[in-house]
Amino acid sequence: MFKPLFAAMLLCAALLPLSAPAASFDCTRANTAAEIAVCDNPSLNRLDEELAMEYRALLNRLPPRRAEMVRQDQRSWIVARDSCRADVRCLRARYQERSARLNEY
């Protein structure tokens, strides 16, 4: 009786992907075309993760007033990113531009 159930559980586990994309935001709550594109595209997903790490590291080493300026700049960047909609080339360019901008601080 337990053997068929155990076998079914193993089969289900084997069908699950080994690694899912891990954007810096919750992909189950992605609601813009840009967020959905980032979640669906492994290279954009990687860019998003790298940018998030750069952003957090920068915020951690800046004084509070400067960090708030970077946060405001990030909110503006998100609007610009979202204007790309699902255009992968545009999104890639926005991520690269933002990374370069963060490195200027």
Protein backbone atom coordinates (compact mmCIF):
# COMPACT_ATOMS: atom_id res chain seq x y z
CA MET A 1 0.00 0.00 0.00
CA PHE A 2 2.76 2.44 0.90
CA LYS A 3 4.97 1.43 -2.02
CA PRO A 4 2.68 2.90 -4.74
CA LEU A 5 2.28 6.12 -2.76
CA PHE A 6 6.05 6.37 -2.20
CA ALA A 7 6.70 5.68 -5.90
CA ALA A 8 4.22 8.38 -6.90
CA MET A 9 5.91 10.88 -4.58
CA LEU A 10 9.32 10.07 -6.03
CA LEU A 11 7.99 10.50 -9.56
CA CYS A 12 6.51 13.88 -8.69
CA ALA A 13 9.77 15.02 -7.08
CA ALA A 14 11.74 13.92 -10.15
CA LEU A 15 9.52 16.04 -12.38
CA LEU A 16 10.19 19.23 -10.41
CA PRO A 17 12.85 21.53 -11.85
CA LEU A 18 16.17 21.34 -10.03
CA SER A 19 16.54 25.09 -9.81
CA ALA A 20 14.02 27.80 -10.39
CA PRO A 21 14.84 31.36 -11.37
CA ALA A 22 15.54 33.49 -8.35
CA ALA A 23 14.97 37.12 -9.22
CA SER A 24 15.49 39.71 -6.51
CA PHE A 25 11.72 39.92 -6.19
CA ASP A 26 9.01 37.30 -5.75
CA CYS A 27 8.28 35.98 -9.23
CA THR A 28 4.94 34.59 -8.07
CA ARG A 29 3.89 38.22 -7.57
CA ALA A 30 5.38 39.60 -10.79
CA ASN A 31 2.73 41.88 -12.25
CA THR A 32 4.45 44.00 -14.89
CA ALA A 33 5.54 42.74 -18.30
CA ALA A 34 9.13 43.58 -17.36
CA GLU A 35 9.00 41.59 -14.11
CA ILE A 36 7.46 38.61 -15.89
CA ALA A 37 10.16 38.80 -18.59
CA VAL A 38 12.90 38.89 -15.93
CA CYS A 39 11.40 35.84 -14.23
CA ASP A 40 11.09 33.96 -17.52
CA ASN A 41 14.56 34.75 -18.90
CA PRO A 42 17.57 33.17 -17.14
CA SER A 43 20.06 35.81 -18.32
CA LEU A 44 17.81 38.69 -17.22
CA ASN A 45 17.18 36.88 -13.99
CA ARG A 46 20.92 36.66 -13.37
CA LEU A 47 21.35 40.38 -14.18
CA ASP A 48 18.56 41.18 -11.73
CA GLU A 49 20.20 39.15 -8.96
CA GLU A 50 23.61 40.72 -9.60
CA LEU A 51 22.13 44.21 -9.63
CA ALA A 52 20.27 43.55 -6.39
CA MET A 53 23.51 42.47 -4.71
CA GLU A 54 25.31 45.59 -5.98
CA TYR A 55 22.44 47.78 -4.81
CA ARG A 56 22.32 46.26 -1.30
CA ALA A 57 26.10 46.46 -0.92
CA LEU A 58 26.06 50.12 -1.96
CA LEU A 59 23.26 50.99 0.48
CA ASN A 60 25.14 49.28 3.30
CA ARG A 61 28.23 51.43 2.85
CA LEU A 62 26.59 54.82 2.25
CA PRO A 63 25.59 57.35 4.90
CA PRO A 64 21.79 57.58 5.40
CA ARG A 65 21.17 60.72 3.31
CA ARG A 66 23.18 59.42 0.40
CA ALA A 67 21.49 56.01 0.66
CA GLU A 68 18.08 57.70 0.45
CA MET A 69 19.16 59.42 -2.77
CA VAL A 70 20.16 56.05 -4.19
CA ARG A 71 16.77 54.59 -3.15
CA GLN A 72 14.95 57.41 -4.96
CA ASP A 73 17.15 56.86 -8.00
CA GLN A 74 16.32 53.14 -7.84
CA ARG A 75 12.59 53.86 -7.86
CA SER A 76 13.06 56.00 -10.97
CA TRP A 77 15.12 53.25 -12.56
CA ILE A 78 12.34 50.71 -11.92
CA VAL A 79 9.92 52.95 -13.83
CA ALA A 80 12.41 53.12 -16.71
CA ARG A 81 12.93 49.35 -16.58
CA ASP A 82 9.21 48.72 -16.62
CA SER A 83 8.82 50.94 -19.68
CA CYS A 84 10.74 48.26 -21.61
CA ARG A 85 7.81 45.93 -21.05
CA ALA A 86 8.90 42.45 -22.26
CA ASP A 87 11.62 43.69 -24.66
CA VAL A 88 14.62 41.61 -23.58
CA ARG A 89 17.16 43.79 -25.40
CA CYS A 90 15.78 46.93 -23.75
CA LEU A 91 15.69 45.26 -20.33
CA ARG A 92 19.27 44.03 -20.67
CA ALA A 93 20.38 47.58 -21.56
CA ARG A 94 18.54 49.05 -18.55
CA TYR A 95 20.18 46.55 -16.19
CA GLN A 96 23.63 47.27 -17.62
CA GLU A 97 23.06 51.03 -17.40
CA ARG A 98 21.89 50.75 -13.80
CA SER A 99 24.88 48.65 -12.82
CA ALA A 100 27.22 51.24 -14.33
CA ARG A 101 25.34 54.01 -12.49
CA LEU A 102 25.61 52.21 -9.15
CA ASN A 103 29.35 51.87 -9.69
CA GLU A 104 29.59 55.67 -10.00
CA TYR A 105 28.48 56.26 -6.40
